[in-house]
Amino acid sequence: MSTRPLTTQLRRVDDALRTLVDERDHSDDPADALRAAESIDHWLDERLALMKTRDDGSGLATTDHGR
């Protein structure tokens, strides 16, 4: 089974995260920084979901494992 599509999706998310972090770090407007932070939050959630899919239920990408 090929992991290329998942790898491509992860790369897309990582690129979006890098762009947003750069925008947040170079913004002088607090409203823009807040919007970037909210977007970063969304993309991190998406990345975690992709990692969970990649791990196929092994629990490696979950934070509540072992509770």
C-alpha atoms as a PDB file:
ATOM      1  CA  MET A   1       0.000   0.000   0.000  1.00  0.00           C
ATOM      2  CA  SER A   2       1.365   3.390  -0.992  1.00  0.00           C
ATOM      3  CA  THR A   3       1.671   6.180   1.573  1.00  0.00           C
ATOM      4  CA  ARG A   4       2.238   8.835  -1.072  1.00  0.00           C
ATOM      5  CA  PRO A   5      -1.202  10.469  -0.809  1.00  0.00           C
ATOM      6  CA  LEU A   6      -0.949  10.683   2.985  1.00  0.00           C
ATOM      7  CA  THR A   7       2.624  11.950   2.766  1.00  0.00           C
ATOM      8  CA  THR A   8       1.499  14.572   0.275  1.00  0.00           C
ATOM      9  CA  GLN A   9      -1.324  15.645   2.585  1.00  0.00           C
ATOM     10  CA  LEU A  10       1.051  15.916   5.546  1.00  0.00           C
ATOM     11  CA  ARG A  11       3.467  17.968   3.467  1.00  0.00           C
ATOM     12  CA  ARG A  12       0.630  20.307   2.419  1.00  0.00           C
ATOM     13  CA  VAL A  13      -0.363  20.798   6.074  1.00  0.00           C
ATOM     14  CA  ASP A  14       3.248  21.383   7.122  1.00  0.00           C
ATOM     15  CA  ASP A  15       3.708  23.979   4.367  1.00  0.00           C
ATOM     16  CA  ALA A  16       0.552  25.786   5.476  1.00  0.00           C
ATOM     17  CA  LEU A  17       1.748  25.729   9.095  1.00  0.00           C
ATOM     18  CA  ARG A  18       5.163  27.155   8.176  1.00  0.00           C
ATOM     19  CA  THR A  19       3.517  29.956   6.194  1.00  0.00           C
ATOM     20  CA  LEU A  20       1.127  30.823   9.018  1.00  0.00           C
ATOM     21  CA  VAL A  21       3.853  30.795  11.668  1.00  0.00           C
ATOM     22  CA  ASP A  22       5.944  33.106   9.500  1.00  0.00           C
ATOM     23  CA  GLU A  23       2.973  35.446   8.981  1.00  0.00           C
ATOM     24  CA  ARG A  24       2.180  35.431  12.704  1.00  0.00           C
ATOM     25  CA  ASP A  25       5.773  36.161  13.647  1.00  0.00           C
ATOM     26  CA  HIS A  26       6.054  39.081  11.226  1.00  0.00           C
ATOM     27  CA  SER A  27       2.676  40.672  11.921  1.00  0.00           C
ATOM     28  CA  ASP A  28       2.421  43.924  13.838  1.00  0.00           C
ATOM     29  CA  ASP A  29      -1.380  43.753  13.951  1.00  0.00           C
ATOM     30  CA  PRO A  30      -2.731  41.780  16.934  1.00  0.00           C
ATOM     31  CA  ALA A  31      -5.879  40.871  14.973  1.00  0.00           C
ATOM     32  CA  ASP A  32      -3.771  39.323  12.194  1.00  0.00           C
ATOM     33  CA  ALA A  33      -1.691  37.431  14.749  1.00  0.00           C
ATOM     34  CA  LEU A  34      -4.879  36.095  16.359  1.00  0.00           C
ATOM     35  CA  ARG A  35      -6.289  35.000  12.987  1.00  0.00           C
ATOM     36  CA  ALA A  36      -3.017  33.251  12.195  1.00  0.00           C
ATOM     37  CA  ALA A  37      -3.032  31.520  15.591  1.00  0.00           C
ATOM     38  CA  GLU A  38      -6.587  30.287  15.009  1.00  0.00           C
ATOM     39  CA  SER A  39      -5.619  28.983  11.577  1.00  0.00           C
ATOM     40  CA  ILE A  40      -2.548  27.289  13.047  1.00  0.00           C
ATOM     41  CA  ASP A  41      -4.842  25.582  15.546  1.00  0.00           C
ATOM     42  CA  HIS A  42      -7.034  24.285  12.706  1.00  0.00           C
ATOM     43  CA  TRP A  43      -4.068  22.986  10.693  1.00  0.00           C
ATOM     44  CA  LEU A  44      -2.581  21.274  13.769  1.00  0.00           C
ATOM     45  CA  ASP A  45      -5.904  19.497  14.316  1.00  0.00           C
ATOM     46  CA  GLU A  46      -5.850  18.375  10.687  1.00  0.00           C
ATOM     47  CA  ARG A  47      -2.265  17.135  11.032  1.00  0.00           C
ATOM     48  CA  LEU A  48      -3.140  15.128  14.133  1.00  0.00           C
ATOM     49  CA  ALA A  49      -6.073  13.546  12.294  1.00  0.00           C
ATOM     50  CA  LEU A  50      -3.789  12.595   9.402  1.00  0.00           C
ATOM     51  CA  MET A  51      -1.240  11.116  11.776  1.00  0.00           C
ATOM     52  CA  LYS A  52      -3.987   9.137  13.481  1.00  0.00           C
ATOM     53  CA  THR A  53      -5.017   7.792  10.074  1.00  0.00           C
ATOM     54  CA  ARG A  54      -1.403   6.943   9.293  1.00  0.00           C
ATOM     55  CA  ASP A  55      -1.003   5.079  12.556  1.00  0.00           C
ATOM     56  CA  ASP A  56      -4.185   3.147  11.755  1.00  0.00           C
ATOM     57  CA  GLY A  57      -5.537   3.132  15.275  1.00  0.00           C
ATOM     58  CA  SER A  58      -2.297   2.189  17.011  1.00  0.00           C
ATOM     59  CA  GLY A  59      -2.784   5.064  19.452  1.00  0.00           C
ATOM     60  CA  LEU A  60       0.557   6.683  18.674  1.00  0.00           C
ATOM     61  CA  ALA A  61      -0.979  10.011  17.688  1.00  0.00           C
ATOM     62  CA  THR A  62      -3.555  10.255  20.466  1.00  0.00           C
ATOM     63  CA  THR A  63      -3.039  12.265  23.604  1.00  0.00           C
ATOM     64  CA  ASP A  64      -5.505  10.313  25.745  1.00  0.00           C
ATOM     65  CA  HIS A  65      -3.766   6.956  25.278  1.00  0.00           C
ATOM     66  CA  GLY A  66      -3.352   5.190  28.575  1.00  0.00           C
ATOM     67  CA  ARG A  67      -5.817   7.258  30.553  1.00  0.00           C
END
